[in-house]
């Protein structure tokens, strides 16, 4: 069991991005920076208040109103073929379950 644990740890270490494994460089000091301190201050960005129902959760169920063509296509796919596919898969799994339960329940040995 310990061997499996070590295998998982080594696999996780191997899959970790190199940037996360590299030691962090020290923050630049005042002596190494060449930009004047006045240039570091930037003006505040203008913030547009959120529009209700667009990009802000408003408590409704389902997908929010889409404002782009790609979003409307994705919503159409979600509400149409994807929902039907989920229902068909669920029905198929349910029928498989009833079939297996009927075989096991009848005492058939295979």
C-alpha atoms as a PDB file:
ATOM      1  CA  UNK A   1       0.000   0.000   0.000  1.00  0.00           C
ATOM      2  CA  UNK A   2       2.915   2.343   0.719  1.00  0.00           C
ATOM      3  CA  UNK A   3       4.225   1.644  -2.771  1.00  0.00           C
ATOM      4  CA  UNK A   4       0.991   2.966  -4.297  1.00  0.00           C
ATOM      5  CA  UNK A   5       1.227   6.075  -2.111  1.00  0.00           C
ATOM      6  CA  UNK A   6       4.765   6.765  -3.293  1.00  0.00           C
ATOM      7  CA  UNK A   7       3.723   6.209  -6.898  1.00  0.00           C
ATOM      8  CA  UNK A   8       0.972   8.813  -6.527  1.00  0.00           C
ATOM      9  CA  UNK A   9       3.359  11.317  -4.909  1.00  0.00           C
ATOM     10  CA  UNK A  10       5.979  10.862  -7.630  1.00  0.00           C
ATOM     11  CA  UNK A  11       3.376  11.142 -10.382  1.00  0.00           C
ATOM     12  CA  UNK A  12       2.022  14.361  -8.856  1.00  0.00           C
ATOM     13  CA  UNK A  13       5.544  15.779  -8.566  1.00  0.00           C
ATOM     14  CA  UNK A  14       6.245  14.930 -12.188  1.00  0.00           C
ATOM     15  CA  UNK A  15       3.041  16.586 -13.382  1.00  0.00           C
ATOM     16  CA  UNK A  16       3.601  19.797 -11.428  1.00  0.00           C
ATOM     17  CA  UNK A  17       4.534  22.667 -13.765  1.00  0.00           C
ATOM     18  CA  UNK A  18       8.167  23.739 -13.650  1.00  0.00           C
ATOM     19  CA  UNK A  19       7.169  27.292 -12.718  1.00  0.00           C
ATOM     20  CA  UNK A  20       5.583  26.040  -9.514  1.00  0.00           C
ATOM     21  CA  UNK A  21       8.663  23.987  -8.620  1.00  0.00           C
ATOM     22  CA  UNK A  22      11.232  26.733  -9.271  1.00  0.00           C
ATOM     23  CA  UNK A  23      12.280  28.827  -6.295  1.00  0.00           C
ATOM     24  CA  UNK A  24      10.850  32.315  -6.364  1.00  0.00           C
ATOM     25  CA  UNK A  25      13.246  35.151  -7.148  1.00  0.00           C
ATOM     26  CA  UNK A  26      13.695  37.859  -4.561  1.00  0.00           C
ATOM     27  CA  UNK A  27      11.631  41.002  -5.028  1.00  0.00           C
ATOM     28  CA  UNK A  28      13.528  43.806  -6.774  1.00  0.00           C
ATOM     29  CA  UNK A  29      15.043  46.319  -4.400  1.00  0.00           C
ATOM     30  CA  UNK A  30      15.068  50.066  -4.794  1.00  0.00           C
ATOM     31  CA  UNK A  31      18.677  49.934  -5.991  1.00  0.00           C
ATOM     32  CA  UNK A  32      17.852  47.584  -8.876  1.00  0.00           C
ATOM     33  CA  UNK A  33      14.828  49.455 -10.192  1.00  0.00           C
ATOM     34  CA  UNK A  34      15.495  52.104 -12.802  1.00  0.00           C
ATOM     35  CA  UNK A  35      12.007  53.585 -13.142  1.00  0.00           C
ATOM     36  CA  UNK A  36      11.305  56.725 -11.130  1.00  0.00           C
ATOM     37  CA  UNK A  37       8.827  56.435  -8.278  1.00  0.00           C
ATOM     38  CA  UNK A  38       6.424  58.902  -9.936  1.00  0.00           C
ATOM     39  CA  UNK A  39       5.972  56.580 -12.918  1.00  0.00           C
ATOM     40  CA  UNK A  40       4.778  53.777 -10.627  1.00  0.00           C
ATOM     41  CA  UNK A  41       1.602  55.702  -9.758  1.00  0.00           C
ATOM     42  CA  UNK A  42      -1.081  55.064 -12.362  1.00  0.00           C
ATOM     43  CA  UNK A  43      -4.440  56.791 -12.659  1.00  0.00           C
ATOM     44  CA  UNK A  44      -7.447  54.846 -11.433  1.00  0.00           C
ATOM     45  CA  UNK A  45      -9.295  52.946 -14.150  1.00  0.00           C
ATOM     46  CA  UNK A  46     -12.882  53.850 -14.907  1.00  0.00           C
ATOM     47  CA  UNK A  47     -15.262  51.158 -13.732  1.00  0.00           C
ATOM     48  CA  UNK A  48     -18.619  50.744 -15.420  1.00  0.00           C
ATOM     49  CA  UNK A  49     -21.386  49.719 -13.036  1.00  0.00           C
ATOM     50  CA  UNK A  50     -22.762  46.231 -13.743  1.00  0.00           C
ATOM     51  CA  UNK A  51     -25.889  45.838 -15.847  1.00  0.00           C
ATOM     52  CA  UNK A  52     -28.471  43.652 -14.083  1.00  0.00           C
ATOM     53  CA  UNK A  53     -28.950  40.361 -15.892  1.00  0.00           C
ATOM     54  CA  UNK A  54     -25.786  40.680 -18.000  1.00  0.00           C
ATOM     55  CA  UNK A  55     -22.736  39.038 -16.471  1.00  0.00           C
ATOM     56  CA  UNK A  56     -24.031  39.454 -12.928  1.00  0.00           C
ATOM     57  CA  UNK A  57     -25.876  36.629 -11.144  1.00  0.00           C
ATOM     58  CA  UNK A  58     -29.448  37.712 -10.473  1.00  0.00           C
ATOM     59  CA  UNK A  59     -30.822  34.638  -8.698  1.00  0.00           C
ATOM     60  CA  UNK A  60     -32.529  32.992 -11.665  1.00  0.00           C
ATOM     61  CA  UNK A  61     -32.088  29.336 -12.506  1.00  0.00           C
ATOM     62  CA  UNK A  62     -30.620  28.357 -15.844  1.00  0.00           C
ATOM     63  CA  UNK A  63     -28.185  30.100 -18.109  1.00  0.00           C
ATOM     64  CA  UNK A  64     -28.035  33.880 -18.014  1.00  0.00           C
ATOM     65  CA  UNK A  65     -29.122  35.942 -20.994  1.00  0.00           C
ATOM     66  CA  UNK A  66     -26.391  35.760 -23.625  1.00  0.00           C
ATOM     67  CA  UNK A  67     -25.072  38.914 -25.247  1.00  0.00           C
ATOM     68  CA  UNK A  68     -22.793  37.409 -27.908  1.00  0.00           C
ATOM     69  CA  UNK A  69     -23.539  35.196 -30.889  1.00  0.00           C
ATOM     70  CA  UNK A  70     -21.229  32.488 -29.546  1.00  0.00           C
ATOM     71  CA  UNK A  71     -23.013  32.589 -26.203  1.00  0.00           C
ATOM     72  CA  UNK A  72     -26.394  32.226 -27.895  1.00  0.00           C
ATOM     73  CA  UNK A  73     -25.098  29.240 -29.890  1.00  0.00           C
ATOM     74  CA  UNK A  74     -23.735  27.636 -26.708  1.00  0.00           C
ATOM     75  CA  UNK A  75     -27.045  28.200 -24.917  1.00  0.00           C
ATOM     76  CA  UNK A  76     -28.915  26.658 -27.860  1.00  0.00           C
ATOM     77  CA  UNK A  77     -26.630  23.610 -27.746  1.00  0.00           C
ATOM     78  CA  UNK A  78     -27.082  23.362 -23.958  1.00  0.00           C
ATOM     79  CA  UNK A  79     -30.863  23.620 -24.118  1.00  0.00           C
ATOM     80  CA  UNK A  80     -31.258  21.324 -27.135  1.00  0.00           C
ATOM     81  CA  UNK A  81     -28.958  18.472 -28.162  1.00  0.00           C
ATOM     82  CA  UNK A  82     -26.935  18.327 -24.947  1.00  0.00           C
ATOM     83  CA  UNK A  83     -30.018  18.042 -22.750  1.00  0.00           C
ATOM     84  CA  UNK A  84     -31.478  15.342 -25.011  1.00  0.00           C
ATOM     85  CA  UNK A  85     -28.164  13.445 -24.980  1.00  0.00           C
ATOM     86  CA  UNK A  86     -28.078  13.534 -21.162  1.00  0.00           C
ATOM     87  CA  UNK A  87     -31.642  12.194 -21.009  1.00  0.00           C
ATOM     88  CA  UNK A  88     -30.856   9.376 -23.469  1.00  0.00           C
ATOM     89  CA  UNK A  89     -27.728   8.348 -21.539  1.00  0.00           C
ATOM     90  CA  UNK A  90     -29.632   8.413 -18.245  1.00  0.00           C
ATOM     91  CA  UNK A  91     -32.412   6.270 -19.706  1.00  0.00           C
ATOM     92  CA  UNK A  92     -29.859   3.808 -21.143  1.00  0.00           C
ATOM     93  CA  UNK A  93     -28.113   3.449 -17.768  1.00  0.00           C
ATOM     94  CA  UNK A  94     -31.450   3.015 -15.998  1.00  0.00           C
ATOM     95  CA  UNK A  95     -32.486   0.256 -18.424  1.00  0.00           C
ATOM     96  CA  UNK A  96     -29.113  -1.453 -17.954  1.00  0.00           C
ATOM     97  CA  UNK A  97     -29.600  -1.331 -14.203  1.00  0.00           C
ATOM     98  CA  UNK A  98     -33.071  -2.929 -14.444  1.00  0.00           C
ATOM     99  CA  UNK A  99     -31.744  -5.588 -16.817  1.00  0.00           C
ATOM    100  CA  UNK A 100     -28.821  -6.516 -14.531  1.00  0.00           C
ATOM    101  CA  UNK A 101     -31.054  -6.475 -11.445  1.00  0.00           C
ATOM    102  CA  UNK A 102     -33.528  -8.804 -13.156  1.00  0.00           C
ATOM    103  CA  UNK A 103     -30.748 -11.260 -14.072  1.00  0.00           C
ATOM    104  CA  UNK A 104     -29.164 -11.205 -10.625  1.00  0.00           C
ATOM    105  CA  UNK A 105     -32.542 -11.316  -8.912  1.00  0.00           C
ATOM    106  CA  UNK A 106     -33.655 -14.378 -10.870  1.00  0.00           C
ATOM    107  CA  UNK A 107     -30.631 -16.353  -9.687  1.00  0.00           C
ATOM    108  CA  UNK A 108     -29.006 -16.870 -13.089  1.00  0.00           C
ATOM    109  CA  UNK A 109     -25.323 -17.700 -12.637  1.00  0.00           C
ATOM    110  CA  UNK A 110     -23.036 -16.711 -15.439  1.00  0.00           C
END
